[in-house]
Protein backbone atom coordinates (compact mmCIF):
# COMPACT_ATOMS: atom_id res chain seq x y z
CA MET A 1 55.53 143.03 72.31
CA THR A 2 54.09 146.49 72.95
CA VAL A 3 50.63 147.13 74.38
CA ILE A 4 48.87 150.52 74.46
CA GLN A 5 45.31 151.50 75.27
CA GLU A 6 43.20 152.58 72.32
CA ASP A 7 42.57 156.32 72.72
CA GLU A 8 39.40 156.48 70.70
CA MET A 9 37.85 153.17 71.69
CA ILE A 10 35.86 152.05 74.72
CA ALA A 11 37.96 151.84 77.88
CA GLY A 12 39.49 148.40 78.08
CA ASP A 13 40.28 148.03 74.36
CA PHE A 14 43.96 147.82 73.40
CA VAL A 15 46.40 147.92 70.49
CA ILE A 16 49.12 145.27 70.55
CA SER A 17 52.24 144.85 68.43
CA THR A 18 54.35 141.71 68.07
CA ASN A 19 57.52 141.37 65.99
CA THR A 20 55.54 141.04 62.77
CA ALA A 21 52.04 142.46 63.24
CA VAL A 22 49.68 144.98 64.82
CA TYR A 23 46.49 143.74 66.50
CA ARG A 24 43.48 145.22 68.26
CA LEU A 25 42.23 143.53 71.41
CA LEU A 26 38.54 144.25 71.88
CA THR A 27 37.30 143.47 75.37
CA GLN A 28 33.88 145.11 75.24
CA THR A 29 32.25 142.63 72.86
CA SER A 30 29.93 139.67 73.10
CA GLN A 31 32.97 137.50 72.40
CA THR A 32 35.45 137.66 75.25
CA ASN A 33 38.78 139.28 74.30
CA LEU A 34 38.33 139.38 70.53
CA VAL A 35 41.73 139.81 68.81
CA LEU A 36 41.79 141.35 65.33
CA LEU A 37 44.86 141.36 63.07
CA VAL A 38 44.96 144.81 61.46
CA ALA A 39 48.39 144.93 59.76
CA GLY A 40 51.18 142.48 59.10
CA HIS A 41 51.25 138.70 59.49
CA ASP A 42 51.21 136.35 62.47
CA THR A 43 54.62 134.86 61.66
CA GLU A 44 56.04 136.16 58.36
CA HIS A 45 58.55 139.00 58.55
CA GLY A 46 60.17 141.18 55.91
CA TYR A 47 59.10 144.31 54.08
CA ALA A 48 55.95 144.95 52.06
CA THR A 49 53.42 147.77 51.83
CA GLY A 50 49.69 147.48 51.27
CA ASN A 51 46.40 147.07 53.05
CA GLY A 52 46.16 145.19 56.32
CA THR A 53 47.60 141.70 56.00
CA GLN A 54 49.47 142.54 52.79
CA THR A 55 51.94 144.51 54.90
CA ARG A 56 55.12 142.93 56.27
CA PHE A 57 57.18 144.20 59.20
CA ASP A 58 60.57 143.08 60.52
CA LYS A 59 60.64 143.38 64.30
CA ILE A 60 58.21 146.00 65.56
CA TYR A 61 59.46 147.36 68.88
CA GLY A 62 57.89 150.78 69.46
CA LEU A 63 54.19 151.59 69.08
CA VAL A 64 52.31 154.85 69.74
CA GLN A 65 49.11 156.49 68.53
CA MET A 66 49.42 159.69 66.52
CA ASN A 67 46.49 161.63 65.11
CA GLY A 68 44.26 158.59 65.36
CA LYS A 69 46.74 156.34 63.54
CA TYR A 70 49.30 153.78 64.74
CA LEU A 71 52.98 154.71 64.43
CA VAL A 72 55.40 151.77 64.71
CA ALA A 73 59.18 151.49 64.88
CA ASP A 74 60.03 148.86 62.26
CA HIS A 75 63.40 148.01 63.77
CA LYS A 76 65.13 145.90 61.11
CA ASN A 77 63.63 147.89 58.24
CA ASN A 78 65.14 151.07 59.78
CA CYS A 79 62.05 153.25 59.52
CA LEU A 80 58.92 154.49 61.25
CA ARG A 81 55.72 153.30 59.59
CA MET A 82 52.14 154.55 59.92
CA VAL A 83 49.14 152.24 59.98
CA ASN A 84 46.06 154.22 58.96
CA LYS A 85 43.05 152.61 60.60
CA ASP A 86 40.66 154.89 58.69
CA SER A 87 41.81 153.68 55.25
CA ALA A 88 41.60 149.89 55.34
CA PHE A 89 44.73 149.81 57.53
CA VAL A 90 47.06 150.94 54.75
CA THR A 91 50.66 150.98 56.01
CA MET A 92 53.09 153.57 54.67
CA THR A 93 56.53 154.84 55.50
CA TYR A 94 56.26 157.87 57.77
CA ALA A 95 59.87 158.68 58.66
CA GLY A 96 63.18 157.39 57.37
CA GLU A 97 63.60 155.21 54.32
CA CYS A 98 62.68 151.57 54.81
CA ARG A 99 65.52 149.07 54.27
CA GLN A 100 68.12 151.86 54.16
CA LEU A 101 70.04 152.63 57.33
CA GLY A 102 71.55 156.01 58.11
CA ASP A 103 71.70 158.80 60.66
CA GLU A 104 70.06 162.04 59.59
CA ASP A 105 67.83 164.59 61.34
CA GLY A 106 65.31 166.80 59.54
CA ARG A 107 61.88 166.36 58.00
CA PRO A 108 60.45 162.85 58.39
CA SER A 109 61.06 162.01 54.71
CA ALA A 110 64.71 163.11 54.98
CA ALA A 111 65.43 161.52 58.38
CA ARG A 112 67.38 158.26 58.57
CA PHE A 113 67.58 155.65 61.34
CA ASN A 114 69.63 152.60 62.22
CA GLY A 115 67.43 150.28 64.24
CA PRO A 116 64.68 152.51 65.69
CA PHE A 117 63.45 150.91 68.90
CA GLY A 118 61.38 152.73 71.52
CA LEU A 119 58.66 155.30 70.84
CA ARG A 120 56.97 157.54 73.44
CA TYR A 121 54.59 160.45 73.06
CA HIS A 122 54.97 163.42 75.43
CA LEU A 123 53.66 167.00 75.24
CA GLY A 124 53.33 167.30 71.48
CA SER A 125 56.44 165.32 70.56
CA ILE A 126 57.35 161.72 69.87
CA TYR A 127 60.66 160.52 71.29
CA ILE A 128 62.60 157.76 69.55
CA THR A 129 65.55 155.62 70.58
CA ASP A 130 67.70 155.14 67.47
CA SER A 131 69.41 152.03 68.78
CA TYR A 132 72.53 151.45 66.67
CA ASN A 133 73.11 155.17 66.19
CA GLN A 134 73.14 155.30 70.02
CA LYS A 135 70.84 158.32 70.10
CA ILE A 136 67.57 159.63 71.44
CA LYS A 137 65.71 161.73 68.88
CA ARG A 138 62.73 164.04 69.24
CA PHE A 139 60.04 164.44 66.60
CA ASN A 140 58.28 167.76 67.16
CA ILE A 141 54.89 167.15 65.54
CA ALA A 142 53.95 170.83 65.14
CA GLU A 143 57.30 171.71 63.51
CA ASN A 144 57.41 168.41 61.58
CA LEU A 145 61.10 168.06 62.46
CA ILE A 146 63.22 165.25 63.92
CA ARG A 147 66.26 166.29 65.96
CA THR A 148 68.87 164.41 68.00
CA ILE A 149 68.66 165.43 71.67
CA HIS A 150 71.04 162.91 73.27
CA ARG A 151 73.93 160.74 72.12
CA SER A 152 75.02 157.83 74.28
CA GLU A 153 78.60 156.84 75.02
CA ASN A 154 78.98 153.68 72.91
CA LEU A 155 75.74 152.04 74.08
CA GLU A 156 72.93 150.64 71.96
CA LEU A 157 69.71 152.09 73.38
CA CYS A 158 66.52 150.02 73.59
CA ASP A 159 63.21 150.90 75.22
CA PHE A 160 62.72 153.91 77.50
CA VAL A 161 60.32 155.91 79.61
CA ILE A 162 60.22 159.65 80.14
CA GLY A 163 61.03 161.01 83.60
CA HIS A 164 59.10 163.50 85.69
CA ARG A 165 61.38 166.53 85.34
CA ASP A 166 59.94 169.53 83.48
CA ASP A 167 63.07 171.69 83.37
CA VAL A 168 65.34 169.26 81.49
CA TYR A 169 65.10 166.11 79.37
CA GLU A 170 64.95 163.03 81.60
CA PHE A 171 64.80 159.42 80.43
CA PHE A 172 65.25 155.95 81.90
CA VAL A 173 66.62 153.75 79.12
CA THR A 174 67.28 150.02 78.86
CA ALA A 175 70.67 149.15 77.40
CA LYS A 176 72.87 146.05 77.46
CA ASN A 177 72.90 144.66 81.02
CA GLY A 178 71.44 147.70 82.72
CA VAL A 179 69.21 150.74 82.88
CA LEU A 180 70.56 154.22 82.15
CA HIS A 181 69.45 157.50 83.66
CA VAL A 182 69.68 160.32 81.11
CA LEU A 183 69.33 163.82 82.54
CA GLY A 184 69.97 166.55 79.99
CA GLU A 185 73.37 165.82 78.49
CA GLN A 186 74.43 163.60 81.40
CA GLU A 187 74.20 159.81 81.22
CA THR A 188 74.81 157.50 84.19
CA TRP A 189 74.02 153.91 85.06
CA LEU A 190 70.98 153.71 87.30
CA VAL A 191 71.36 149.96 87.85
CA GLY A 192 73.53 147.29 86.22
CA HIS A 193 76.39 148.03 83.86
CA THR A 194 77.67 147.18 80.41
CA LYS A 195 80.88 145.33 81.28
CA THR A 196 79.30 142.40 83.07
CA SER A 197 77.01 139.87 81.40
CA SER A 198 75.41 137.40 83.78
CA ARG A 199 72.11 136.20 85.05
CA ASN A 200 69.89 138.65 86.85
CA SER A 201 70.68 139.29 90.50
CA ASP A 202 68.65 141.36 92.95
CA GLY A 203 69.76 143.87 95.54
CA GLN A 204 70.88 147.46 95.90
CA PHE A 205 71.62 149.30 92.67
CA SER A 206 75.38 149.01 93.13
CA GLY A 207 75.22 145.20 93.13
CA ALA A 208 72.12 144.33 91.09
CA LYS A 209 72.63 142.86 87.62
CA PHE A 210 70.48 142.62 84.51
CA ASN A 211 70.71 140.25 81.55
CA ASP A 212 69.52 141.97 78.38
CA PRO A 213 66.73 144.23 79.69
CA ILE A 214 64.36 145.19 76.89
CA GLY A 215 60.98 146.66 77.86
CA ILE A 216 60.48 149.27 80.58
CA GLN A 217 57.38 150.98 81.99
CA TRP A 218 56.36 153.11 84.96
CA LEU A 219 54.41 151.26 87.64
CA ASP A 220 54.04 154.47 89.65
CA ASN A 221 56.12 157.65 89.90
CA LYS A 222 58.82 155.94 92.00
CA THR A 223 58.79 152.43 90.54
CA LEU A 224 59.80 150.98 87.17
CA VAL A 225 59.06 147.50 85.83
CA VAL A 226 61.60 146.02 83.41
CA ALA A 227 61.33 142.96 81.15
CA SER A 228 64.59 141.03 81.05
CA ALA A 229 64.66 139.08 77.78
CA HIS A 230 67.27 136.34 78.22
CA ASP A 231 66.07 135.29 81.66
CA SER A 232 62.35 135.82 80.87
CA GLN A 233 61.85 137.78 84.08
CA LEU A 234 60.01 140.89 85.17
CA ARG A 235 62.07 143.06 87.49
CA ILE A 236 61.10 145.97 89.73
CA ILE A 237 63.35 149.01 90.11
CA ASP A 238 62.48 151.00 93.23
CA ILE A 239 64.04 154.41 92.69
CA GLU A 240 63.21 155.58 96.21
CA LYS A 241 64.81 152.58 97.96
CA TRP A 242 67.56 152.14 95.35
CA GLU A 243 66.99 148.43 94.90
CA ALA A 244 65.99 145.99 92.16
CA PHE A 245 64.18 142.68 92.60
CA SER A 246 62.39 140.05 90.51
CA ILE A 247 58.61 139.66 90.69
CA CYS A 248 58.02 136.77 88.27
CA GLU A 249 59.67 134.45 85.78
CA CYS A 250 57.86 133.46 82.59
CA LYS A 251 58.15 129.84 81.51
């Protein structure tokens, strides 16, 4: 699930994606927390285009707003899709070719993906983790071009956040059993590692372990919160103290 705040709505309203649908959560209404399904289906997955609930997605992971529309990473359909909220929530392919995997840079229509996962907007560009191609790609909106900016060393990349450096690309990326720090062309394990699969364990970065971390978000400029899928836990990564610890377990 991805949650973002609606840019053009009243403060407190949100856009939410699940594996198969996009919703709007309206909090400033006479009905408390009104949830509206705007595209997709509550449970059905697959591929279909159309208006609103005619659309079908197959594992939405990334979600951002772009020019007043919703851009989603349709992971298993291998494409980025745009939900136009100004035209009866018509969903169309925006980048890549749905249901056809590949690995190509270029114009959105010519680009190809293999399991797009995370999406983040930053300073006029949208960054994409192309999971099974093991790459981070940048879509420069003004140039209308998608380019690879980082290739991982044999790791499937999941969600990510953008770091605070202005002089070089910096990302913190979830991957199998850990979180990577990408700085320019360099890639190192921040915490956890790929060779060990076990339950989560807390402690200093050198000893802490993660079990399938998926979502990641900044809590403040020194602290990351990570969702660990298999153990249903939220974990804190304190970059300043170099330690990781659990804050809750979802039942």
